[in-house]
Amino acid sequence: MATTENETYIPRPLTHELVRDVDRRAIDDYGMLGLVLMENAGRNSAELLRRLGISGRVSICCGKGNNGGDGFVIARHLENAGVNVRVLLCVPPSSLTGDAKVNLNILEKGQTAIVAPPFDWKTELAGSDWIVDALLGTGTQGVIREPFVAAITSINSAGSKVYAIDLPSGLDCDTGQPLGVCVRANHTATFVARKIGFEIPGTEEWTGTVHVIDIGVPRSLLESLN
């Protein structure tokens, strides 16, 4: 099942390589900033989650790449809207770089509740209304390893609603197959277009309902993908 969250032109499902190409061309050919793309992705994902309905604490589980950076932006916009937010870092803060680090710094200066490892995932996730999965992105390859195994296993056993960012962590973008452990999401907010792996029968077991989110990529770039 899929929904489109706006009237933005939606290209065909994208492979991992096309996803990377869209980001590269938006930045190199159109002069967009990576921080702008991340801000658009996170803000629009936060707005969708609010429309889905929030009735308690939102725990946002973040890795160190751009997917984690999206999670930090989501945390900021939800907190601005009065939502009880807690960010759970799967990696030490010192391991973050680039745009993700910029957005983590904003949260730190804004005194957002941030839990850094080591901690007990089961304890920290208990009582969450929603868990946001911003651990791993479309470039993930190979069997999932620690510390992500513990995080994903705990998310799946927490009994909370799960909202995956771009794709469920542990799902192969191109094959739609889990790379060992994989987040089971109720909803997935995917950027620009569906991923080609989502078209494989049975993938909805992992993605739940897929929502295509606009991140501000120019229409002419998107049309060139078809």
N, C-alpha and C. Protein backbone atom coordinates (compact mmCIF):
# COMPACT_ATOMS: atom_id res chain seq x y z
N MET A 1 0.85 -1.19 0.00
CA MET A 1 0.00 0.00 0.00
C MET A 1 0.89 1.24 0.00
N ALA A 2 0.55 2.23 -0.80
CA ALA A 2 1.38 3.43 -0.87
C ALA A 2 0.50 4.66 -0.95
N THR A 3 0.99 5.76 -0.43
CA THR A 3 0.31 7.03 -0.56
C THR A 3 1.32 8.07 -0.99
N THR A 4 0.83 9.13 -1.63
CA THR A 4 1.67 10.26 -2.00
C THR A 4 1.22 11.45 -1.17
N GLU A 5 2.17 12.12 -0.50
CA GLU A 5 1.81 13.14 0.47
C GLU A 5 1.61 14.52 -0.13
N ASN A 6 1.79 14.67 -1.41
CA ASN A 6 1.63 15.98 -2.03
C ASN A 6 1.46 15.78 -3.53
N GLU A 7 1.40 16.88 -4.26
CA GLU A 7 1.20 16.80 -5.70
C GLU A 7 2.52 16.84 -6.48
N THR A 8 3.64 16.72 -5.79
CA THR A 8 4.94 16.74 -6.44
C THR A 8 5.06 15.57 -7.40
N TYR A 9 5.71 15.81 -8.53
CA TYR A 9 5.94 14.76 -9.52
C TYR A 9 6.73 13.61 -8.87
N ILE A 10 6.27 12.39 -9.09
CA ILE A 10 6.92 11.22 -8.50
C ILE A 10 7.50 10.35 -9.62
N PRO A 11 8.81 10.14 -9.63
CA PRO A 11 9.41 9.28 -10.66
C PRO A 11 9.18 7.81 -10.35
N ARG A 12 9.66 6.98 -11.26
CA ARG A 12 9.56 5.53 -11.07
C ARG A 12 10.37 5.10 -9.85
N PRO A 13 10.14 3.88 -9.33
CA PRO A 13 10.92 3.41 -8.19
C PRO A 13 12.42 3.47 -8.47
N LEU A 14 13.17 3.83 -7.44
CA LEU A 14 14.60 4.08 -7.60
C LEU A 14 15.46 2.97 -7.00
N THR A 15 16.57 2.69 -7.67
CA THR A 15 17.59 1.81 -7.13
C THR A 15 18.48 2.62 -6.18
N HIS A 16 19.34 1.91 -5.47
CA HIS A 16 20.30 2.58 -4.60
C HIS A 16 21.16 3.55 -5.39
N GLU A 17 21.62 3.14 -6.57
CA GLU A 17 22.48 4.01 -7.37
C GLU A 17 21.74 5.26 -7.83
N LEU A 18 20.47 5.12 -8.20
CA LEU A 18 19.70 6.29 -8.62
C LEU A 18 19.44 7.23 -7.45
N VAL A 19 19.23 6.67 -6.26
CA VAL A 19 19.06 7.50 -5.07
C VAL A 19 20.30 8.37 -4.87
N ARG A 20 21.47 7.75 -4.95
CA ARG A 20 22.72 8.50 -4.80
C ARG A 20 22.87 9.54 -5.90
N ASP A 21 22.45 9.19 -7.11
CA ASP A 21 22.59 10.11 -8.23
C ASP A 21 21.69 11.33 -8.07
N VAL A 22 20.48 11.11 -7.56
CA VAL A 22 19.58 12.25 -7.33
C VAL A 22 20.21 13.23 -6.35
N ASP A 23 20.73 12.72 -5.24
CA ASP A 23 21.37 13.60 -4.25
C ASP A 23 22.57 14.33 -4.85
N ARG A 24 23.40 13.58 -5.59
CA ARG A 24 24.61 14.18 -6.17
C ARG A 24 24.25 15.28 -7.15
N ARG A 25 23.28 15.00 -8.04
CA ARG A 25 22.92 15.99 -9.05
C ARG A 25 22.23 17.20 -8.43
N ALA A 26 21.40 16.98 -7.42
CA ALA A 26 20.75 18.11 -6.75
C ALA A 26 21.79 19.05 -6.16
N ILE A 27 22.86 18.49 -5.62
CA ILE A 27 23.90 19.29 -5.00
C ILE A 27 24.87 19.86 -6.04
N ASP A 28 25.39 19.00 -6.94
CA ASP A 28 26.43 19.42 -7.87
C ASP A 28 25.89 20.21 -9.06
N ASP A 29 24.76 19.75 -9.62
CA ASP A 29 24.26 20.38 -10.84
C ASP A 29 23.29 21.52 -10.57
N TYR A 30 22.54 21.44 -9.47
CA TYR A 30 21.52 22.45 -9.19
C TYR A 30 21.93 23.40 -8.07
N GLY A 31 23.03 23.10 -7.41
CA GLY A 31 23.52 23.99 -6.36
C GLY A 31 22.78 23.92 -5.05
N MET A 32 22.00 22.85 -4.84
CA MET A 32 21.31 22.70 -3.57
C MET A 32 22.30 22.28 -2.49
N LEU A 33 22.02 22.63 -1.27
CA LEU A 33 22.86 22.23 -0.15
C LEU A 33 22.33 20.95 0.47
N GLY A 34 23.25 20.08 0.88
CA GLY A 34 22.84 18.86 1.56
C GLY A 34 22.02 19.15 2.80
N LEU A 35 22.36 20.21 3.52
CA LEU A 35 21.59 20.58 4.71
C LEU A 35 20.15 20.95 4.37
N VAL A 36 19.95 21.56 3.19
CA VAL A 36 18.59 21.91 2.78
C VAL A 36 17.78 20.65 2.48
N LEU A 37 18.39 19.71 1.77
CA LEU A 37 17.70 18.45 1.47
C LEU A 37 17.35 17.72 2.76
N MET A 38 18.29 17.69 3.71
CA MET A 38 18.06 17.02 5.00
C MET A 38 16.95 17.72 5.77
N GLU A 39 16.97 19.05 5.75
CA GLU A 39 15.93 19.81 6.45
C GLU A 39 14.56 19.53 5.86
N ASN A 40 14.46 19.53 4.54
CA ASN A 40 13.18 19.24 3.89
C ASN A 40 12.69 17.84 4.21
N ALA A 41 13.61 16.87 4.16
CA ALA A 41 13.25 15.49 4.44
C ALA A 41 12.74 15.34 5.87
N GLY A 42 13.48 15.91 6.81
CA GLY A 42 13.09 15.76 8.20
C GLY A 42 11.82 16.50 8.56
N ARG A 43 11.71 17.74 8.07
CA ARG A 43 10.51 18.53 8.38
C ARG A 43 9.25 17.86 7.82
N ASN A 44 9.30 17.42 6.56
CA ASN A 44 8.12 16.82 5.95
C ASN A 44 7.79 15.46 6.57
N SER A 45 8.82 14.74 7.00
CA SER A 45 8.57 13.47 7.69
C SER A 45 7.92 13.71 9.04
N ALA A 46 8.36 14.75 9.75
CA ALA A 46 7.76 15.08 11.04
C ALA A 46 6.30 15.49 10.87
N GLU A 47 6.01 16.27 9.83
CA GLU A 47 4.63 16.69 9.59
C GLU A 47 3.73 15.50 9.30
N LEU A 48 4.24 14.54 8.53
CA LEU A 48 3.45 13.34 8.26
C LEU A 48 3.18 12.56 9.54
N LEU A 49 4.19 12.40 10.38
CA LEU A 49 3.99 11.65 11.62
C LEU A 49 2.94 12.33 12.49
N ARG A 50 2.95 13.64 12.53
CA ARG A 50 1.92 14.35 13.30
C ARG A 50 0.53 14.08 12.73
N ARG A 51 0.42 14.00 11.41
CA ARG A 51 -0.88 13.70 10.80
C ARG A 51 -1.33 12.27 11.10
N LEU A 52 -0.38 11.38 11.25
CA LEU A 52 -0.73 10.01 11.60
C LEU A 52 -1.26 9.91 13.02
N GLY A 53 -0.90 10.86 13.86
CA GLY A 53 -1.42 10.92 15.22
C GLY A 53 -0.41 10.50 16.27
N ILE A 54 -0.10 11.41 17.17
CA ILE A 54 0.85 11.15 18.25
C ILE A 54 0.13 11.37 19.58
N SER A 55 0.20 10.37 20.46
CA SER A 55 -0.49 10.49 21.74
C SER A 55 0.44 10.27 22.93
N GLY A 56 1.74 10.29 22.68
CA GLY A 56 2.68 10.09 23.77
C GLY A 56 4.10 10.37 23.31
N ARG A 57 5.06 9.80 24.02
CA ARG A 57 6.46 10.07 23.71
C ARG A 57 6.86 9.45 22.37
N VAL A 58 7.72 10.15 21.65
CA VAL A 58 8.30 9.65 20.42
C VAL A 58 9.80 9.42 20.66
N SER A 59 10.24 8.19 20.47
CA SER A 59 11.66 7.86 20.60
C SER A 59 12.25 7.76 19.21
N ILE A 60 13.30 8.54 18.96
CA ILE A 60 13.89 8.61 17.62
C ILE A 60 15.26 7.97 17.68
N CYS A 61 15.41 6.83 16.99
CA CYS A 61 16.64 6.03 17.01
C CYS A 61 17.50 6.42 15.82
N CYS A 62 18.70 6.92 16.07
CA CYS A 62 19.51 7.51 15.02
C CYS A 62 20.88 6.86 14.88
N GLY A 63 21.29 6.64 13.63
CA GLY A 63 22.64 6.22 13.31
C GLY A 63 23.49 7.44 13.02
N LYS A 64 24.66 7.21 12.37
CA LYS A 64 25.60 8.31 12.19
C LYS A 64 25.58 8.94 10.80
N GLY A 65 24.85 8.37 9.85
CA GLY A 65 24.83 8.90 8.50
C GLY A 65 23.70 9.89 8.27
N ASN A 66 23.39 10.12 7.00
CA ASN A 66 22.32 11.07 6.67
C ASN A 66 20.97 10.63 7.20
N ASN A 67 20.75 9.32 7.32
CA ASN A 67 19.48 8.84 7.87
C ASN A 67 19.34 9.30 9.32
N GLY A 68 20.44 9.20 10.07
CA GLY A 68 20.42 9.72 11.43
C GLY A 68 20.21 11.22 11.46
N GLY A 69 20.84 11.93 10.50
CA GLY A 69 20.64 13.37 10.41
C GLY A 69 19.19 13.74 10.18
N ASP A 70 18.51 12.97 9.32
CA ASP A 70 17.08 13.18 9.11
C ASP A 70 16.33 13.03 10.43
N GLY A 71 16.73 12.02 11.21
CA GLY A 71 16.10 11.80 12.51
C GLY A 71 16.27 12.98 13.44
N PHE A 72 17.45 13.62 13.42
CA PHE A 72 17.67 14.79 14.28
C PHE A 72 16.77 15.94 13.87
N VAL A 73 16.58 16.13 12.57
CA VAL A 73 15.68 17.19 12.10
C VAL A 73 14.24 16.88 12.52
N ILE A 74 13.84 15.63 12.39
CA ILE A 74 12.50 15.22 12.83
C ILE A 74 12.31 15.54 14.30
N ALA A 75 13.31 15.21 15.10
CA ALA A 75 13.22 15.47 16.54
C ALA A 75 12.99 16.96 16.82
N ARG A 76 13.75 17.81 16.13
CA ARG A 76 13.62 19.26 16.35
C ARG A 76 12.23 19.76 16.01
N HIS A 77 11.70 19.33 14.87
CA HIS A 77 10.38 19.83 14.45
C HIS A 77 9.26 19.26 15.33
N LEU A 78 9.38 18.02 15.76
CA LEU A 78 8.37 17.48 16.67
C LEU A 78 8.41 18.20 18.00
N GLU A 79 9.61 18.44 18.51
CA GLU A 79 9.73 19.15 19.78
C GLU A 79 9.18 20.56 19.67
N ASN A 80 9.43 21.23 18.54
CA ASN A 80 8.86 22.56 18.33
C ASN A 80 7.34 22.55 18.37
N ALA A 81 6.76 21.40 17.97
CA ALA A 81 5.31 21.27 17.94
C ALA A 81 4.74 20.79 19.29
N GLY A 82 5.62 20.68 20.30
CA GLY A 82 5.15 20.31 21.63
C GLY A 82 5.14 18.83 21.92
N VAL A 83 5.75 18.03 21.04
CA VAL A 83 5.78 16.58 21.25
C VAL A 83 6.91 16.22 22.22
N ASN A 84 6.65 15.26 23.08
CA ASN A 84 7.66 14.72 23.99
C ASN A 84 8.60 13.83 23.19
N VAL A 85 9.84 14.29 23.00
CA VAL A 85 10.79 13.62 22.11
C VAL A 85 12.02 13.19 22.90
N ARG A 86 12.51 12.00 22.56
CA ARG A 86 13.81 11.56 23.07
C ARG A 86 14.59 10.94 21.94
N VAL A 87 15.85 11.33 21.80
CA VAL A 87 16.72 10.81 20.75
C VAL A 87 17.65 9.76 21.34
N LEU A 88 17.67 8.58 20.74
CA LEU A 88 18.54 7.48 21.16
C LEU A 88 19.62 7.29 20.10
N LEU A 89 20.86 7.55 20.46
CA LEU A 89 21.97 7.41 19.54
C LEU A 89 22.50 5.97 19.56
N CYS A 90 22.61 5.40 18.37
CA CYS A 90 23.14 4.04 18.26
C CYS A 90 24.66 4.02 18.25
N VAL A 91 25.27 5.18 18.07
CA VAL A 91 26.72 5.31 17.96
C VAL A 91 27.17 6.48 18.83
N PRO A 92 28.44 6.54 19.19
CA PRO A 92 28.91 7.68 19.98
C PRO A 92 28.75 8.99 19.21
N PRO A 93 28.41 10.08 19.89
CA PRO A 93 28.26 11.37 19.21
C PRO A 93 29.52 11.78 18.46
N SER A 94 30.68 11.38 18.96
CA SER A 94 31.95 11.76 18.32
C SER A 94 32.14 11.14 16.95
N SER A 95 31.35 10.10 16.61
CA SER A 95 31.50 9.43 15.32
C SER A 95 30.73 10.13 14.20
N LEU A 96 29.91 11.11 14.55
CA LEU A 96 29.11 11.80 13.53
C LEU A 96 29.93 12.87 12.82
N THR A 97 29.63 13.05 11.54
CA THR A 97 30.30 14.06 10.73
C THR A 97 29.28 14.76 9.83
N GLY A 98 29.72 15.81 9.14
CA GLY A 98 28.93 16.44 8.09
C GLY A 98 27.60 16.99 8.57
N ASP A 99 26.59 16.87 7.69
CA ASP A 99 25.28 17.44 7.96
C ASP A 99 24.61 16.82 9.18
N ALA A 100 24.84 15.52 9.39
CA ALA A 100 24.26 14.87 10.57
C ALA A 100 24.81 15.49 11.84
N LYS A 101 26.12 15.74 11.87
CA LYS A 101 26.74 16.36 13.04
C LYS A 101 26.19 17.75 13.28
N VAL A 102 25.98 18.52 12.22
CA VAL A 102 25.42 19.87 12.35
C VAL A 102 24.07 19.81 13.06
N ASN A 103 23.21 18.87 12.64
CA ASN A 103 21.87 18.79 13.22
C ASN A 103 21.88 18.21 14.62
N LEU A 104 22.84 17.34 14.93
CA LEU A 104 22.98 16.88 16.32
C LEU A 104 23.40 18.05 17.21
N ASN A 105 24.32 18.86 16.73
CA ASN A 105 24.77 20.02 17.51
C ASN A 105 23.61 20.95 17.84
N ILE A 106 22.70 21.13 16.87
CA ILE A 106 21.52 21.99 17.11
C ILE A 106 20.68 21.42 18.25
N LEU A 107 20.48 20.10 18.24
CA LEU A 107 19.70 19.47 19.31
C LEU A 107 20.38 19.63 20.66
N GLU A 108 21.70 19.44 20.66
CA GLU A 108 22.44 19.56 21.92
C GLU A 108 22.33 20.97 22.49
N LYS A 109 22.46 21.97 21.63
CA LYS A 109 22.37 23.36 22.08
C LYS A 109 20.94 23.71 22.50
N GLY A 110 19.97 23.03 21.90
CA GLY A 110 18.57 23.24 22.26
C GLY A 110 18.13 22.41 23.44
N GLN A 111 19.03 21.62 24.01
CA GLN A 111 18.78 20.81 25.20
C GLN A 111 17.71 19.75 24.99
N THR A 112 17.63 19.23 23.77
CA THR A 112 16.77 18.08 23.50
C THR A 112 17.30 16.87 24.28
N ALA A 113 16.41 16.03 24.74
CA ALA A 113 16.82 14.83 25.48
C ALA A 113 17.51 13.86 24.53
N ILE A 114 18.79 13.62 24.77
CA ILE A 114 19.59 12.73 23.93
C ILE A 114 20.24 11.67 24.80
N VAL A 115 20.07 10.41 24.42
CA VAL A 115 20.66 9.29 25.15
C VAL A 115 21.75 8.68 24.28
N ALA A 116 22.98 8.71 24.76
CA ALA A 116 24.12 8.17 24.01
C ALA A 116 24.54 6.83 24.60
N PRO A 117 25.12 5.96 23.78
CA PRO A 117 25.54 4.65 24.30
C PRO A 117 26.67 4.79 25.30
N PRO A 118 26.74 3.80 26.23
CA PRO A 118 25.94 2.57 26.29
C PRO A 118 24.64 2.78 27.08
N PHE A 119 23.59 2.07 26.69
CA PHE A 119 22.34 2.08 27.43
C PHE A 119 21.57 0.82 27.06
N ASP A 120 20.53 0.54 27.83
CA ASP A 120 19.69 -0.63 27.57
C ASP A 120 18.53 -0.22 26.66
N TRP A 121 18.51 -0.74 25.45
CA TRP A 121 17.49 -0.35 24.47
C TRP A 121 16.08 -0.64 24.97
N LYS A 122 15.89 -1.80 25.59
CA LYS A 122 14.55 -2.19 26.05
C LYS A 122 14.03 -1.17 27.05
N THR A 123 14.89 -0.75 27.97
CA THR A 123 14.48 0.21 28.99
C THR A 123 14.15 1.56 28.38
N GLU A 124 14.99 2.04 27.48
CA GLU A 124 14.82 3.37 26.91
C GLU A 124 13.63 3.47 25.97
N LEU A 125 13.29 2.36 25.31
CA LEU A 125 12.17 2.37 24.36
C LEU A 125 10.83 2.12 25.04
N ALA A 126 10.85 1.61 26.25
CA ALA A 126 9.60 1.26 26.94
C ALA A 126 8.69 2.48 27.06
N GLY A 127 7.42 2.27 26.76
CA GLY A 127 6.44 3.33 26.91
C GLY A 127 6.34 4.31 25.76
N SER A 128 7.09 4.07 24.68
CA SER A 128 7.03 4.97 23.52
C SER A 128 5.72 4.78 22.77
N ASP A 129 5.08 5.88 22.39
CA ASP A 129 3.92 5.79 21.50
C ASP A 129 4.38 5.43 20.10
N TRP A 130 5.40 6.17 19.61
CA TRP A 130 6.01 5.88 18.31
C TRP A 130 7.51 5.72 18.49
N ILE A 131 8.09 4.84 17.69
CA ILE A 131 9.54 4.74 17.55
C ILE A 131 9.87 5.12 16.11
N VAL A 132 10.75 6.10 15.94
CA VAL A 132 11.20 6.50 14.61
C VAL A 132 12.52 5.78 14.33
N ASP A 133 12.55 5.05 13.23
CA ASP A 133 13.75 4.31 12.81
C ASP A 133 14.53 5.17 11.83
N ALA A 134 15.59 5.82 12.34
CA ALA A 134 16.49 6.60 11.50
C ALA A 134 17.91 6.07 11.68
N LEU A 135 18.03 4.75 11.65
CA LEU A 135 19.32 4.11 11.92
C LEU A 135 20.18 3.98 10.67
N LEU A 136 19.63 3.35 9.63
CA LEU A 136 20.41 3.01 8.44
C LEU A 136 19.65 3.42 7.19
N GLY A 137 20.37 3.84 6.16
CA GLY A 137 19.75 4.33 4.95
C GLY A 137 19.81 3.37 3.78
N THR A 138 19.59 3.92 2.58
CA THR A 138 19.49 3.09 1.38
C THR A 138 20.81 2.48 0.95
N GLY A 139 21.92 3.00 1.44
CA GLY A 139 23.22 2.49 1.03
C GLY A 139 23.69 1.29 1.84
N THR A 140 22.89 0.82 2.76
CA THR A 140 23.30 -0.29 3.62
C THR A 140 23.48 -1.56 2.80
N GLN A 141 24.62 -2.22 3.00
CA GLN A 141 24.91 -3.48 2.30
C GLN A 141 25.55 -4.45 3.28
N GLY A 142 25.41 -5.74 2.99
CA GLY A 142 25.99 -6.75 3.86
C GLY A 142 25.13 -7.03 5.07
N VAL A 143 25.46 -8.07 5.80
CA VAL A 143 24.67 -8.47 6.96
C VAL A 143 24.78 -7.41 8.05
N ILE A 144 23.65 -7.07 8.65
CA ILE A 144 23.62 -6.07 9.71
C ILE A 144 24.40 -6.58 10.92
N ARG A 145 25.22 -5.70 11.48
CA ARG A 145 26.05 -6.05 12.64
C ARG A 145 25.73 -5.13 13.81
N GLU A 146 26.34 -5.47 14.95
CA GLU A 146 26.20 -4.61 16.13
C GLU A 146 26.87 -3.26 15.86
N PRO A 147 26.40 -2.20 16.49
CA PRO A 147 25.35 -2.15 17.51
C PRO A 147 23.93 -2.10 16.96
N PHE A 148 23.81 -2.23 15.63
CA PHE A 148 22.50 -2.08 15.01
C PHE A 148 21.60 -3.29 15.22
N VAL A 149 22.19 -4.47 15.39
CA VAL A 149 21.37 -5.66 15.64
C VAL A 149 20.55 -5.48 16.91
N ALA A 150 21.21 -5.05 17.97
CA ALA A 150 20.51 -4.86 19.25
C ALA A 150 19.43 -3.79 19.13
N ALA A 151 19.75 -2.71 18.42
CA ALA A 151 18.77 -1.63 18.26
C ALA A 151 17.54 -2.11 17.49
N ILE A 152 17.77 -2.78 16.37
CA ILE A 152 16.65 -3.23 15.52
C ILE A 152 15.82 -4.28 16.25
N THR A 153 16.47 -5.22 16.90
CA THR A 153 15.75 -6.25 17.65
C THR A 153 14.88 -5.64 18.74
N SER A 154 15.41 -4.63 19.41
CA SER A 154 14.65 -3.97 20.48
C SER A 154 13.49 -3.17 19.93
N ILE A 155 13.68 -2.50 18.81
CA ILE A 155 12.58 -1.76 18.18
C ILE A 155 11.43 -2.71 17.85
N ASN A 156 11.77 -3.86 17.28
CA ASN A 156 10.73 -4.80 16.86
C ASN A 156 9.99 -5.42 18.04
N SER A 157 10.62 -5.49 19.19
CA SER A 157 9.99 -6.15 20.34
C SER A 157 9.37 -5.16 21.32
N ALA A 158 9.44 -3.86 21.01
CA ALA A 158 9.00 -2.84 21.97
C ALA A 158 7.48 -2.74 22.10
N GLY A 159 6.76 -3.18 21.07
CA GLY A 159 5.30 -3.08 21.12
C GLY A 159 4.77 -1.70 20.79
N SER A 160 5.61 -0.82 20.26
CA SER A 160 5.20 0.53 19.87
C SER A 160 4.96 0.60 18.37
N LYS A 161 4.29 1.66 17.92
CA LYS A 161 4.17 1.90 16.49
C LYS A 161 5.53 2.34 15.96
N VAL A 162 5.86 1.89 14.75
CA VAL A 162 7.19 2.14 14.19
C VAL A 162 7.07 2.90 12.88
N TYR A 163 7.88 3.95 12.77
CA TYR A 163 7.88 4.85 11.61
C TYR A 163 9.29 4.84 11.04
N ALA A 164 9.48 4.23 9.87
CA ALA A 164 10.80 4.11 9.26
C ALA A 164 11.07 5.30 8.33
N ILE A 165 12.31 5.78 8.35
CA ILE A 165 12.71 6.92 7.54
C ILE A 165 13.48 6.44 6.30
N ASP A 166 12.92 6.70 5.13
CA ASP A 166 13.39 6.31 3.80
C ASP A 166 13.17 4.83 3.52
N LEU A 167 13.63 3.96 4.40
CA LEU A 167 13.30 2.54 4.32
C LEU A 167 13.59 1.93 5.68
N PRO A 168 12.96 0.79 6.00
CA PRO A 168 13.26 0.16 7.28
C PRO A 168 14.73 -0.24 7.37
N SER A 169 15.37 0.05 8.48
CA SER A 169 16.77 -0.31 8.65
C SER A 169 16.94 -1.82 8.57
N GLY A 170 17.91 -2.22 7.72
CA GLY A 170 18.15 -3.64 7.51
C GLY A 170 17.51 -4.19 6.25
N LEU A 171 16.75 -3.36 5.51
CA LEU A 171 16.14 -3.80 4.26
C LEU A 171 17.04 -3.39 3.10
N ASP A 172 17.31 -4.32 2.18
CA ASP A 172 18.10 -4.00 1.00
C ASP A 172 17.26 -3.17 0.04
N CYS A 173 17.76 -2.00 -0.32
CA CYS A 173 17.02 -1.05 -1.16
C CYS A 173 16.63 -1.66 -2.50
N ASP A 174 17.50 -2.50 -3.07
CA ASP A 174 17.28 -3.01 -4.43
C ASP A 174 16.55 -4.34 -4.47
N THR A 175 16.78 -5.20 -3.48
CA THR A 175 16.17 -6.54 -3.53
C THR A 175 14.92 -6.66 -2.67
N GLY A 176 14.74 -5.73 -1.73
CA GLY A 176 13.60 -5.83 -0.83
C GLY A 176 13.73 -6.93 0.19
N GLN A 177 14.93 -7.47 0.34
CA GLN A 177 15.17 -8.57 1.28
C GLN A 177 15.90 -8.05 2.52
N PRO A 178 15.58 -8.62 3.69
CA PRO A 178 16.28 -8.21 4.90
C PRO A 178 17.72 -8.67 4.90
N LEU A 179 18.59 -7.82 5.42
CA LEU A 179 20.02 -8.13 5.51
C LEU A 179 20.32 -8.70 6.90
N GLY A 180 19.66 -9.80 7.19
CA GLY A 180 19.71 -10.36 8.54
C GLY A 180 18.52 -9.83 9.31
N VAL A 181 18.76 -9.04 10.36
CA VAL A 181 17.65 -8.42 11.08
C VAL A 181 17.16 -7.20 10.31
N CYS A 182 15.87 -6.88 10.48
CA CYS A 182 15.28 -5.75 9.76
C CYS A 182 14.13 -5.19 10.57
N VAL A 183 14.03 -3.87 10.61
CA VAL A 183 12.93 -3.21 11.30
C VAL A 183 11.61 -3.55 10.61
N ARG A 184 10.60 -3.83 11.43
CA ARG A 184 9.23 -4.02 10.93
C ARG A 184 8.46 -2.73 11.22
N ALA A 185 8.19 -1.98 10.18
CA ALA A 185 7.56 -0.67 10.34
C ALA A 185 6.06 -0.73 10.07
N ASN A 186 5.32 0.13 10.75
CA ASN A 186 3.91 0.33 10.42
C ASN A 186 3.75 1.29 9.26
N HIS A 187 4.65 2.27 9.21
CA HIS A 187 4.66 3.25 8.14
C HIS A 187 6.11 3.55 7.76
N THR A 188 6.33 3.79 6.47
CA THR A 188 7.64 4.20 5.97
C THR A 188 7.50 5.50 5.20
N ALA A 189 8.27 6.51 5.60
CA ALA A 189 8.33 7.78 4.88
C ALA A 189 9.55 7.73 3.97
N THR A 190 9.32 7.50 2.68
CA THR A 190 10.44 7.35 1.75
C THR A 190 10.58 8.61 0.90
N PHE A 191 11.81 8.96 0.55
CA PHE A 191 12.07 10.25 -0.07
C PHE A 191 12.13 10.17 -1.58
N VAL A 192 11.52 11.15 -2.25
CA VAL A 192 11.54 11.35 -3.70
C VAL A 192 10.66 10.35 -4.43
N ALA A 193 10.87 9.05 -4.20
CA ALA A 193 10.12 8.00 -4.89
C ALA A 193 10.22 6.71 -4.10
N ARG A 194 9.35 5.77 -4.42
CA ARG A 194 9.49 4.44 -3.84
C ARG A 194 10.83 3.84 -4.24
N LYS A 195 11.33 2.93 -3.46
CA LYS A 195 12.56 2.24 -3.79
C LYS A 195 12.20 0.94 -4.51
N ILE A 196 13.07 0.53 -5.42
CA ILE A 196 12.73 -0.60 -6.28
C ILE A 196 12.48 -1.87 -5.48
N GLY A 197 13.16 -2.00 -4.34
CA GLY A 197 12.95 -3.17 -3.50
C GLY A 197 11.55 -3.25 -2.91
N PHE A 198 10.86 -2.09 -2.82
CA PHE A 198 9.51 -2.09 -2.28
C PHE A 198 8.52 -2.80 -3.21
N GLU A 199 8.91 -2.97 -4.48
CA GLU A 199 8.00 -3.58 -5.45
C GLU A 199 8.00 -5.11 -5.36
N ILE A 200 8.90 -5.67 -4.58
CA ILE A 200 8.96 -7.13 -4.42
C ILE A 200 7.80 -7.58 -3.55
N PRO A 201 7.02 -8.57 -4.00
CA PRO A 201 5.89 -9.06 -3.19
C PRO A 201 6.35 -9.47 -1.79
N GLY A 202 5.58 -9.05 -0.80
CA GLY A 202 5.88 -9.40 0.58
C GLY A 202 6.68 -8.35 1.32
N THR A 203 7.23 -7.34 0.60
CA THR A 203 8.06 -6.34 1.27
C THR A 203 7.26 -5.49 2.24
N GLU A 204 5.96 -5.41 2.03
CA GLU A 204 5.14 -4.61 2.95
C GLU A 204 5.16 -5.18 4.37
N GLU A 205 5.60 -6.42 4.52
CA GLU A 205 5.79 -6.99 5.86
C GLU A 205 6.78 -6.15 6.67
N TRP A 206 7.71 -5.52 5.96
CA TRP A 206 8.73 -4.70 6.61
C TRP A 206 8.40 -3.21 6.55
N THR A 207 7.85 -2.75 5.44
CA THR A 207 7.63 -1.31 5.24
C THR A 207 6.33 -0.80 5.83
N GLY A 208 5.32 -1.67 5.95
CA GLY A 208 3.99 -1.17 6.26
C GLY A 208 3.51 -0.27 5.13
N THR A 209 2.74 0.75 5.46
CA THR A 209 2.26 1.70 4.45
C THR A 209 3.40 2.63 4.04
N VAL A 210 3.62 2.76 2.75
CA VAL A 210 4.71 3.60 2.24
C VAL A 210 4.15 4.96 1.82
N HIS A 211 4.78 6.02 2.30
CA HIS A 211 4.40 7.39 1.95
C HIS A 211 5.58 8.03 1.22
N VAL A 212 5.36 8.60 0.07
CA VAL A 212 6.43 9.27 -0.68
C VAL A 212 6.49 10.74 -0.24
N ILE A 213 7.68 11.15 0.20
CA ILE A 213 7.89 12.47 0.79
C ILE A 213 8.73 13.34 -0.14
N ASP A 214 8.25 14.56 -0.36
CA ASP A 214 9.00 15.54 -1.17
C ASP A 214 10.14 16.13 -0.35
N ILE A 215 11.34 16.24 -0.96
CA ILE A 215 12.46 16.89 -0.28
C ILE A 215 12.95 18.12 -1.05
N GLY A 216 12.16 18.57 -2.02
CA GLY A 216 12.48 19.80 -2.74
C GLY A 216 13.37 19.65 -3.94
N VAL A 217 13.62 18.41 -4.39
CA VAL A 217 14.43 18.20 -5.60
C VAL A 217 13.69 18.77 -6.81
N PRO A 218 14.34 19.55 -7.68
CA PRO A 218 13.65 20.16 -8.83
C PRO A 218 12.96 19.12 -9.72
N ARG A 219 11.81 19.51 -10.24
CA ARG A 219 11.03 18.60 -11.07
C ARG A 219 11.80 18.15 -12.31
N SER A 220 12.57 19.05 -12.91
CA SER A 220 13.30 18.67 -14.12
C SER A 220 14.28 17.54 -13.86
N LEU A 221 14.88 17.52 -12.66
CA LEU A 221 15.77 16.42 -12.30
C LEU A 221 14.98 15.13 -12.16
N LEU A 222 13.84 15.20 -11.50
CA LEU A 222 13.04 13.99 -11.32
C LEU A 222 12.53 13.44 -12.64
N GLU A 223 12.11 14.33 -13.54
CA GLU A 223 11.60 13.87 -14.83
C GLU A 223 12.70 13.19 -15.65
N SER A 224 13.94 13.59 -15.44
CA SER A 224 15.06 12.99 -16.18
C SER A 224 15.32 11.54 -15.76
N LEU A 225 14.74 11.12 -14.65
CA LEU A 225 14.98 9.76 -14.16
C LEU A 225 14.11 8.74 -14.88
N ASN A 226 13.04 9.17 -15.54
CA ASN A 226 12.10 8.23 -16.17
C ASN A 226 12.45 7.99 -17.64
